[in-house]
Structure formats: structure tokens, C-alpha cells
């Protein structure tokens, strides 16, 4: 598959999108250590969480797109599959070791192991390694079918899962779709599944097919991005507005305890509903033509971060955690022990008087991102100049 963009060149808009979502992600991860709740009826808190919903869809979608662009340089599909399996398993290992310790600053593996977004990204890459052997149109159809159709089969999935909860395969349903915790090997340490594989493998497969769009001549690429992005956003507005399909709960009615706008935007993320994915992926894809023409300091900073997203990810959690510990030692020393419990899923209640203001949350986020820019710039330059094959995994 060829186009006007050489397979060896980087596409500026994709790096900017990656950089932007990495910054948004930092807001949510600072929020964890700030003790601020993940949403709720207060608009400022709700939108602090809501703006970060764009991160995971972009991670999975652009990981698929990156795999397609890598495939244009690879000698054959075997090499692509080998790369995806290797990188995927590295991500799974990082999630269970470096990232888990960064979140908690403890080694309490007997009581807590987290399968977060990097775990799911890794296993989805392993699954994508199989899908890339298929024709591109087939990969696209599988991806779209999973994204659009998984809410349709949700009731059947739940019946199967409930029937198999006590069976040897109960853990598999949790990994595939339902999340939650289970004990490894029946009596081992608990593993908490935050991001199930469905529908995220569908998002990654759709992103892989989207790589073809990014290699089209500029005018055609822009038309396709705008058409896909605006179409997805419009479909979200219709499905959500009329409560037709694609989310487990309606936004209107006596059961809603939120203001109407917040309830409208409050779609399901675990597992990600069809409406959630339309709401987040649509605007992201629609913005790509405009980002391609972006210049200036902000675009350059986001581009640097977007070129080394995993390097940034591995640095940002321990840095945020360390900053939170230092702030607590000055501000609320008696509560500092809370920061060494099992974040982000099962720490005890936030200590009284600990929670930060939103202003402080955003100030710390800005400081963390500025600090991380400099090592990211150094590593991006080294990665671009090096022939070390292992650096491409970061």
C-alpha cells in the first residue's frame, strides 16, 4: 500500500496527538495522588476526569496506526508479527514490574497486582500480530465490528461469564471483557484487570487499518479524516441523544443524578462502550488535518513527547508519585503513608484534609510535564540517531 507520505517519514499530526494525550494523561495520574475523585456531579471535577478519557482510545488506535506504518518498512508480515509480539510482551512485563512499583512504591505483590492500560496494550499487540496476516480490509472489518458490536452481545457475554464464574475459565472472561480481580493460579496473588481486551483489540485493529488513510495524498487524507471524525462524532450525538444503542445506561430520566450535560457525556469506560469510543475517537480523528499544519512552541513540545510516548510514560508515574510524597511531607506529613498503599485501584480512603485543590492539581501537572520535556527531548534525539534495534521498543 503506497501513498504520498514516505513510509520512513514521521507524520507530524500523529506525534502531536500522542504528545497531547500524554499531557492529558498526566492530569489524571496527578489526580490519583491528589486524592480528587474520578468524576462526579461537580462540573470542575467531572471535566478534570472527562478530558482524560481521550487518552486510552488514542493510545490503542495510534498503536495500531504505528504498527501499520512500521509494516511499510518491514521486509514481510512475519517481521511485523515478530515485532508486535516482542513489544507486546515487553509492555506486559513492564506493567507488572516497573509500572506497578511506580504506582505504589511498595512490593506488596501478595495483595496487589495491576493489569492496567499498558498490560492491555501489550496483549492487544500480541493479538494484532495474528490479525496483520489477514488482508487489510478484513482487519478493518474485524476492528469496526468489535468496536461497534460488542455492546450488542454484552448481555450474552454476561450470561456466559456468570455461568463460568466458578469454573476454571472464569478468569478468562474477566481478561476478555469484564475486568475485576481474580487470584492467579487459584490461590496466588490477586490480579486486578482494569482494561479488558475487548473492545480495545478492535480499536487497535481499526487504527491499523487507519494507517492506510494516513498514507494517502494530503487532500484525500484530510477529506477522509474529516469525514470519519465528523461522522463518528455525529453518530455519537444521535445514539446518545436518543438513547438508542451503544452504552449500558441512558443519560436522561429520573435515574440520572447529574446535570444533563454531564450525564450526556458520562459514557462507560470499563469496558469502553461504543458511545464512549465514538465520543473520543471521532474528535481526535477529525482534528488530524488541522494538527498537520500546526507550528509554534506548543506543537514542537508536544511533538517531542509524542515521539517517545513509552519513555515518557515510564518516567511520569514515578515522578508524579515522588512529587506527591514531597508535597505531603510538607503539607500533610501524617498522611504520607497513604501514598505508599496500592494505587490507583485499592488504597484506603483519602485521609481527612489531604485532598488537593484543582488549582494545585493543574499546577503540579504543568510542572511535571515541563520537567519531563527535557529528558524526552534528549531521548528522542538519541533514538533518532541510534541504530540500536532495542531503542525502537521505547
Protein backbone atom coordinates (compact mmCIF):
# COMPACT_ATOMS: atom_id res chain seq x y z
CA UNK A 1 0.00 0.00 0.00
CA UNK A 2 1.61 3.28 -1.07
CA UNK A 3 0.81 6.96 -0.85
CA UNK A 4 2.31 10.41 -0.88
CA UNK A 5 3.89 10.04 2.56
CA UNK A 6 7.12 8.01 2.51
CA UNK A 7 6.96 5.06 4.85
CA UNK A 8 10.19 6.17 6.54
CA UNK A 9 8.98 9.66 7.44
CA UNK A 10 7.15 10.63 10.61
CA UNK A 11 3.67 12.11 10.35
CA UNK A 12 3.66 15.33 12.37
CA UNK A 13 -0.02 15.28 13.31
CA UNK A 14 0.23 11.82 14.87
CA UNK A 15 3.16 12.86 17.05
CA UNK A 16 1.23 15.94 18.18
CA UNK A 17 -1.82 13.83 19.06
CA UNK A 18 0.35 11.41 21.01
CA UNK A 19 2.02 14.27 22.85
CA UNK A 20 -1.30 15.91 23.67
CA UNK A 21 -2.82 12.74 25.11
CA UNK A 22 0.31 12.12 27.18
CA UNK A 23 -0.17 15.55 28.75
CA UNK A 24 -3.85 14.85 29.40
CA UNK A 25 -2.92 11.51 30.90
CA UNK A 26 -0.64 13.28 33.40
CA UNK A 27 -3.66 15.26 34.63
CA UNK A 28 -5.49 12.05 35.51
CA UNK A 29 -2.49 10.46 37.18
CA UNK A 30 -1.77 13.56 39.24
CA UNK A 31 -5.47 13.43 40.20
CA UNK A 32 -4.94 9.96 41.69
CA UNK A 33 -2.28 11.22 44.10
CA UNK A 34 -4.17 14.47 44.70
CA UNK A 35 -7.00 12.44 46.21
CA UNK A 36 -9.52 14.06 43.86
CA UNK A 37 -12.42 11.72 42.97
CA UNK A 38 -12.69 10.32 39.41
CA UNK A 39 -15.65 12.43 38.33
CA UNK A 40 -18.97 13.15 39.94
CA UNK A 41 -21.70 15.80 39.70
CA UNK A 42 -19.38 18.76 40.36
CA UNK A 43 -18.60 20.16 36.85
CA UNK A 44 -14.96 21.12 37.53
CA UNK A 45 -14.14 17.69 38.93
CA UNK A 46 -16.17 15.93 36.22
CA UNK A 47 -14.34 17.65 33.36
CA UNK A 48 -10.95 17.16 35.03
CA UNK A 49 -11.63 13.46 34.63
CA UNK A 50 -13.58 13.63 31.35
CA UNK A 51 -10.84 15.33 29.32
CA UNK A 52 -8.55 12.42 30.13
CA UNK A 53 -10.98 9.94 28.56
CA UNK A 54 -9.40 10.73 25.20
CA UNK A 55 -6.11 9.13 26.27
CA UNK A 56 -6.76 5.37 26.19
CA UNK A 57 -8.64 5.41 22.85
CA UNK A 58 -5.79 7.41 21.31
CA UNK A 59 -3.19 5.01 22.78
CA UNK A 60 -4.79 1.92 21.28
CA UNK A 61 -5.85 3.49 17.98
CA UNK A 62 -2.47 5.11 17.27
CA UNK A 63 -0.62 1.99 18.39
CA UNK A 64 -2.43 0.23 15.57
CA UNK A 65 -1.63 3.04 13.15
CA UNK A 66 2.01 2.93 14.20
CA UNK A 67 2.07 -0.82 13.55
CA UNK A 68 0.75 -0.23 10.03
CA UNK A 69 3.39 2.41 9.33
CA UNK A 70 6.08 0.09 10.71
CA UNK A 71 4.80 -2.63 8.37
CA UNK A 72 5.53 -0.40 5.37
CA UNK A 73 9.25 -0.60 6.24
CA UNK A 74 9.33 -4.22 7.40
CA UNK A 75 10.58 -6.90 4.99
CA UNK A 76 7.48 -9.08 5.42
CA UNK A 77 4.48 -9.75 7.63
CA UNK A 78 6.45 -12.24 9.71
CA UNK A 79 8.74 -9.40 10.77
CA UNK A 80 5.72 -7.26 11.69
CA UNK A 81 4.21 -10.07 13.76
CA UNK A 82 7.52 -10.73 15.47
CA UNK A 83 7.89 -7.03 16.35
CA UNK A 84 4.34 -6.83 17.73
CA UNK A 85 4.69 -9.97 19.85
CA UNK A 86 8.06 -8.84 21.24
CA UNK A 87 6.91 -5.33 22.04
CA UNK A 88 3.61 -6.57 23.42
CA UNK A 89 5.25 -8.97 25.85
CA UNK A 90 7.72 -6.27 26.92
CA UNK A 91 4.77 -4.00 27.73
CA UNK A 92 3.07 -6.71 29.79
CA UNK A 93 6.30 -7.29 31.73
CA UNK A 94 6.76 -3.55 32.33
CA UNK A 95 3.18 -3.26 33.62
CA UNK A 96 3.69 -6.00 36.19
CA UNK A 97 7.10 -4.76 37.37
CA UNK A 98 8.32 -1.21 36.75
CA UNK A 99 4.90 0.41 36.38
CA UNK A 100 3.31 -1.46 39.29
CA UNK A 101 6.13 -0.40 41.63
CA UNK A 102 5.99 3.18 40.30
CA UNK A 103 2.30 3.38 41.18
CA UNK A 104 2.64 2.02 44.69
CA UNK A 105 6.22 2.50 45.91
CA UNK A 106 5.80 -0.89 47.58
CA UNK A 107 6.47 -4.56 46.85
CA UNK A 108 3.19 -5.91 48.22
CA UNK A 109 2.75 -8.38 45.38
CA UNK A 110 0.99 -10.84 47.65
CA UNK A 111 -2.02 -8.49 47.83
CA UNK A 112 -1.92 -6.38 44.69
CA UNK A 113 -1.03 -6.73 41.01
CA UNK A 114 -2.49 -4.37 38.44
CA UNK A 115 -3.28 -5.09 34.79
CA UNK A 116 -3.68 -1.53 33.54
CA UNK A 117 -3.60 0.16 30.17
CA UNK A 118 -0.04 -0.95 29.32
CA UNK A 119 -0.94 -4.58 30.07
CA UNK A 120 -3.91 -4.37 27.73
CA UNK A 121 -1.88 -2.59 25.05
CA UNK A 122 0.68 -5.37 25.22
CA UNK A 123 -1.76 -8.24 24.85
CA UNK A 124 -3.65 -6.40 22.10
CA UNK A 125 -0.36 -6.10 20.20
CA UNK A 126 0.11 -9.85 20.54
CA UNK A 127 -3.39 -10.39 19.11
CA UNK A 128 -2.75 -7.83 16.37
CA UNK A 129 0.33 -9.88 15.41
CA UNK A 130 -2.13 -12.55 14.24
CA UNK A 131 -4.54 -10.14 12.56
CA UNK A 132 -1.85 -8.45 10.43
CA UNK A 133 -1.50 -11.66 8.45
CA UNK A 134 -5.00 -11.02 7.07
CA UNK A 135 -5.92 -8.65 4.21
CA UNK A 136 -6.18 -5.03 5.32
CA UNK A 137 -9.90 -4.84 4.57
CA UNK A 138 -10.51 -7.86 6.77
CA UNK A 139 -8.55 -6.30 9.65
CA UNK A 140 -10.62 -3.13 9.26
CA UNK A 141 -13.89 -5.07 9.25
CA UNK A 142 -12.91 -7.06 12.36
CA UNK A 143 -11.87 -3.89 14.19
CA UNK A 144 -15.04 -1.97 13.37
CA UNK A 145 -17.24 -4.99 14.15
CA UNK A 146 -15.72 -5.36 17.63
CA UNK A 147 -15.91 -1.63 18.38
CA UNK A 148 -19.48 -1.24 17.14
CA UNK A 149 -20.88 -4.64 18.05
CA UNK A 150 -19.60 -5.57 21.48
CA UNK A 151 -22.45 -3.76 23.27
CA UNK A 152 -24.88 -5.82 21.20
CA UNK A 153 -23.51 -9.08 22.60
CA UNK A 154 -22.94 -7.72 26.09
CA UNK A 155 -25.99 -9.49 27.63
CA UNK A 156 -24.86 -12.83 26.18
CA UNK A 157 -21.32 -12.22 27.42
CA UNK A 158 -22.65 -11.53 30.90
CA UNK A 159 -24.71 -14.70 30.96
CA UNK A 160 -21.72 -16.77 29.87
CA UNK A 161 -19.48 -15.06 32.40
CA UNK A 162 -21.93 -15.60 35.27
CA UNK A 163 -22.26 -19.25 34.32
CA UNK A 164 -18.50 -19.70 34.29
CA UNK A 165 -17.55 -17.62 37.34
CA UNK A 166 -16.89 -20.71 39.39
CA UNK A 167 -15.30 -22.62 36.52
CA UNK A 168 -11.68 -22.82 35.52
CA UNK A 169 -12.31 -20.27 32.75
CA UNK A 170 -13.88 -17.54 34.89
CA UNK A 171 -10.61 -15.59 34.85
CA UNK A 172 -10.59 -15.60 31.06
CA UNK A 173 -13.92 -13.75 30.86
CA UNK A 174 -12.53 -11.10 33.17
CA UNK A 175 -9.46 -10.59 31.00
CA UNK A 176 -11.50 -10.55 27.81
CA UNK A 177 -14.36 -8.26 28.81
CA UNK A 178 -15.45 -7.75 32.40
CA UNK A 179 -12.35 -6.79 34.31
CA UNK A 180 -12.20 -7.06 38.08
CA UNK A 181 -9.90 -9.13 40.24
CA UNK A 182 -9.06 -12.79 40.49
CA UNK A 183 -6.33 -14.80 42.18
CA UNK A 184 -3.59 -16.10 39.92
CA UNK A 185 -3.38 -19.89 39.85
CA UNK A 186 -6.45 -20.06 42.06
CA UNK A 187 -4.76 -19.14 45.33
CA UNK A 188 -1.93 -16.82 44.31
CA UNK A 189 -1.70 -13.03 44.40
CA UNK A 190 -4.73 -11.09 43.14
CA UNK A 191 -4.55 -9.57 39.66
CA UNK A 192 -6.89 -6.62 39.05
CA UNK A 193 -7.94 -6.19 35.41
CA UNK A 194 -8.61 -2.51 34.72
CA UNK A 195 -8.56 -2.65 30.90
CA UNK A 196 -10.11 -5.75 29.34
CA UNK A 197 -9.05 -6.83 25.84
CA UNK A 198 -12.50 -6.24 24.29
CA UNK A 199 -13.19 -3.74 22.80
CA UNK A 200 -9.59 -2.44 22.82
CA UNK A 201 -8.28 -5.00 20.33
CA UNK A 202 -10.99 -3.70 17.99
CA UNK A 203 -9.77 -0.12 18.48
CA UNK A 204 -6.19 -1.18 17.72
CA UNK A 205 -7.24 -3.14 14.63
CA UNK A 206 -9.26 -0.16 13.37
CA UNK A 207 -6.22 2.05 14.00
CA UNK A 208 -4.09 -0.37 11.99
CA UNK A 209 -6.44 -0.03 9.02
CA UNK A 210 -6.48 3.76 9.53
CA UNK A 211 -2.77 3.74 8.74
CA UNK A 212 -3.75 3.38 5.08
CA UNK A 213 -5.62 6.68 5.34
CA UNK A 214 -2.51 8.42 6.67
CA UNK A 215 -0.51 7.37 3.61
CA UNK A 216 -2.92 8.93 1.12
CA UNK A 217 -2.18 12.22 -0.69
CA UNK A 218 -2.75 15.19 1.58
CA UNK A 219 -6.06 16.36 0.13
CA UNK A 220 -7.58 12.88 0.18
CA UNK A 221 -6.20 12.17 3.64
CA UNK A 222 -7.74 15.35 5.03
CA UNK A 223 -11.13 14.59 3.48
CA UNK A 224 -11.11 11.07 4.89
CA UNK A 225 -10.06 12.21 8.37
CA UNK A 226 -12.72 14.89 8.47
CA UNK A 227 -15.35 12.51 7.13
CA UNK A 228 -14.51 9.75 9.60
CA UNK A 229 -14.08 12.12 12.55
CA UNK A 230 -17.21 14.20 11.98
CA UNK A 231 -19.22 11.12 11.07
CA UNK A 232 -18.24 9.33 14.28
CA UNK A 233 -19.00 12.42 16.36
CA UNK A 234 -22.38 12.89 14.69
CA UNK A 235 -23.22 9.22 15.25
CA UNK A 236 -22.36 9.62 18.93
CA UNK A 237 -24.69 12.62 19.23
CA UNK A 238 -27.55 10.71 17.60
CA UNK A 239 -27.08 7.46 19.55
CA UNK A 240 -26.57 9.27 22.85
CA UNK A 241 -29.24 11.87 22.26
CA UNK A 242 -31.94 9.28 21.61
CA UNK A 243 -30.50 6.59 23.93
CA UNK A 244 -30.61 4.18 21.01
CA UNK A 245 -27.61 1.88 21.40
CA UNK A 246 -24.01 1.67 22.49
CA UNK A 247 -23.95 2.45 26.22
CA UNK A 248 -25.21 0.42 29.20
CA UNK A 249 -27.15 3.28 30.78
CA UNK A 250 -29.22 6.22 29.40
CA UNK A 251 -28.30 9.81 30.12
CA UNK A 252 -31.81 11.13 30.76
CA UNK A 253 -34.61 10.15 33.09
CA UNK A 254 -35.27 10.06 36.82
CA UNK A 255 -32.30 7.75 37.42
CA UNK A 256 -29.81 10.46 36.42
CA UNK A 257 -28.21 12.26 39.35
CA UNK A 258 -26.08 14.59 37.26
CA UNK A 259 -26.75 17.81 35.37
CA UNK A 260 -27.97 16.99 31.86
CA UNK A 261 -24.73 17.87 30.03
CA UNK A 262 -22.60 15.84 32.40
CA UNK A 263 -24.96 12.86 32.23
CA UNK A 264 -24.88 13.10 28.42
CA UNK A 265 -21.08 12.90 28.39
CA UNK A 266 -20.86 10.29 31.13
CA UNK A 267 -20.39 7.18 29.00
CA UNK A 268 -18.98 3.84 30.12
CA UNK A 269 -15.21 3.32 30.00
CA UNK A 270 -14.82 -0.08 31.76
CA UNK A 271 -15.33 -1.76 29.36
CA UNK A 272 -15.36 1.10 26.86
CA UNK A 273 -18.78 1.40 25.26
CA UNK A 274 -19.39 2.12 21.58
CA UNK A 275 -20.64 5.58 22.50
CA UNK A 276 -17.53 6.22 24.62
CA UNK A 277 -15.30 5.35 21.67
CA UNK A 278 -17.30 7.45 19.20
CA UNK A 279 -17.18 10.39 21.64
CA UNK A 280 -13.38 10.21 21.98
CA UNK A 281 -12.05 8.86 18.67
CA UNK A 282 -14.31 10.99 16.48
CA UNK A 283 -12.93 14.40 17.56
CA UNK A 284 -9.37 13.07 17.63
CA UNK A 285 -9.51 11.84 14.04
CA UNK A 286 -11.30 14.98 12.88
CA UNK A 287 -8.54 17.19 14.31
CA UNK A 288 -5.70 15.47 12.45
CA UNK A 289 -5.88 17.67 9.28
CA UNK A 290 -5.65 20.81 11.41
CA UNK A 291 -2.79 19.48 13.52
CA UNK A 292 -0.80 18.67 10.39
CA UNK A 293 -0.43 22.41 9.81
CA UNK A 294 0.39 23.25 13.44
CA UNK A 295 3.57 25.18 14.19
CA UNK A 296 4.98 27.06 17.13
CA UNK A 297 6.44 26.19 20.50
CA UNK A 298 3.48 24.19 21.79
CA UNK A 299 3.38 21.98 18.70
CA UNK A 300 7.14 21.39 18.96
CA UNK A 301 6.89 20.44 22.64
CA UNK A 302 4.02 18.04 22.02
CA UNK A 303 5.86 16.53 19.06
CA UNK A 304 8.91 15.77 21.19
CA UNK A 305 6.81 13.99 23.82
CA UNK A 306 4.76 12.23 21.14
CA UNK A 307 7.88 10.72 19.58
CA UNK A 308 8.81 8.87 22.78
CA UNK A 309 5.48 8.08 24.47
CA UNK A 310 6.57 4.93 26.31
CA UNK A 311 9.72 6.63 27.63
CA UNK A 312 7.53 9.48 28.90
CA UNK A 313 5.05 7.02 30.41
CA UNK A 314 7.73 5.14 32.33
CA UNK A 315 9.07 8.39 33.77
CA UNK A 316 5.88 10.26 34.54
CA UNK A 317 4.27 7.94 37.10
CA UNK A 318 7.25 7.71 39.50
CA UNK A 319 7.89 11.46 39.09
CA UNK A 320 4.28 12.35 39.91
CA UNK A 321 4.33 9.91 42.83
CA UNK A 322 7.59 11.34 44.19
CA UNK A 323 6.31 14.92 43.89
CA UNK A 324 3.16 13.91 45.78
CA UNK A 325 5.25 12.39 48.58
CA UNK A 326 7.35 15.56 48.86
CA UNK A 327 4.25 17.75 48.92
CA UNK A 328 2.67 15.57 51.58
CA UNK A 329 5.78 15.67 53.77
CA UNK A 330 5.48 19.47 53.79
CA UNK A 331 1.73 19.87 53.74
CA UNK A 332 0.19 16.83 55.48
CA UNK A 333 3.06 14.73 56.92
CA UNK A 334 0.73 12.49 58.94
CA UNK A 335 -0.98 11.35 55.70
CA UNK A 336 2.17 10.48 53.76
CA UNK A 337 1.78 6.76 54.42
CA UNK A 338 -1.33 6.80 52.20
CA UNK A 339 0.96 7.38 49.22
CA UNK A 340 2.67 4.01 49.75
CA UNK A 341 -0.54 1.98 49.54
CA UNK A 342 -1.88 0.17 46.48
CA UNK A 343 -2.64 2.93 43.99
CA UNK A 344 -4.51 3.53 41.84
CA UNK A 345 -7.15 0.85 42.48
CA UNK A 346 -7.39 -0.16 46.13
CA UNK A 347 -5.78 2.35 48.51
CA UNK A 348 -7.68 3.12 51.73
CA UNK A 349 -9.89 6.22 51.87
CA UNK A 350 -8.19 9.55 51.26
CA UNK A 351 -7.04 10.89 54.66
CA UNK A 352 -9.07 13.78 56.03
CA UNK A 353 -7.54 17.09 54.98
CA UNK A 354 -5.24 15.55 52.38
CA UNK A 355 -7.11 16.26 49.09
CA UNK A 356 -5.58 18.95 46.86
CA UNK A 357 -7.45 21.78 45.20
CA UNK A 358 -7.92 21.56 41.45
CA UNK A 359 -5.64 24.57 41.05
CA UNK A 360 -2.85 22.71 42.81
CA UNK A 361 -3.57 19.59 40.73
CA UNK A 362 -3.13 21.51 37.47
CA UNK A 363 -0.07 23.40 38.74
CA UNK A 364 1.69 20.15 39.64
CA UNK A 365 0.71 18.65 36.28
CA UNK A 366 2.23 21.60 34.42
CA UNK A 367 5.45 21.31 36.44
CA UNK A 368 5.73 17.57 35.81
CA UNK A 369 5.20 17.93 32.06
CA UNK A 370 7.77 20.74 31.80
CA UNK A 371 10.33 18.69 33.73
CA UNK A 372 9.73 15.64 31.53
CA UNK A 373 10.13 17.58 28.30
CA UNK A 374 13.91 17.78 28.69
CA UNK A 375 14.69 14.07 29.13
CA UNK A 376 12.17 13.32 26.37
CA UNK A 377 13.97 15.72 24.02
CA UNK A 378 17.31 14.09 24.84
CA UNK A 379 15.95 10.58 24.33
CA UNK A 380 14.10 11.46 21.10
CA UNK A 381 17.36 12.80 19.63
CA UNK A 382 19.31 9.75 20.74
CA UNK A 383 16.67 7.36 19.44
CA UNK A 384 16.60 9.09 16.04
CA UNK A 385 20.40 8.96 15.72
CA UNK A 386 20.94 5.44 17.03
CA UNK A 387 20.92 2.16 15.13
CA UNK A 388 20.30 0.17 18.32
CA UNK A 389 17.28 -2.04 17.48
CA UNK A 390 16.13 -2.15 21.12
CA UNK A 391 15.53 1.60 21.24
CA UNK A 392 12.63 1.25 18.82
CA UNK A 393 10.72 -0.57 21.56
CA UNK A 394 10.71 2.67 23.59
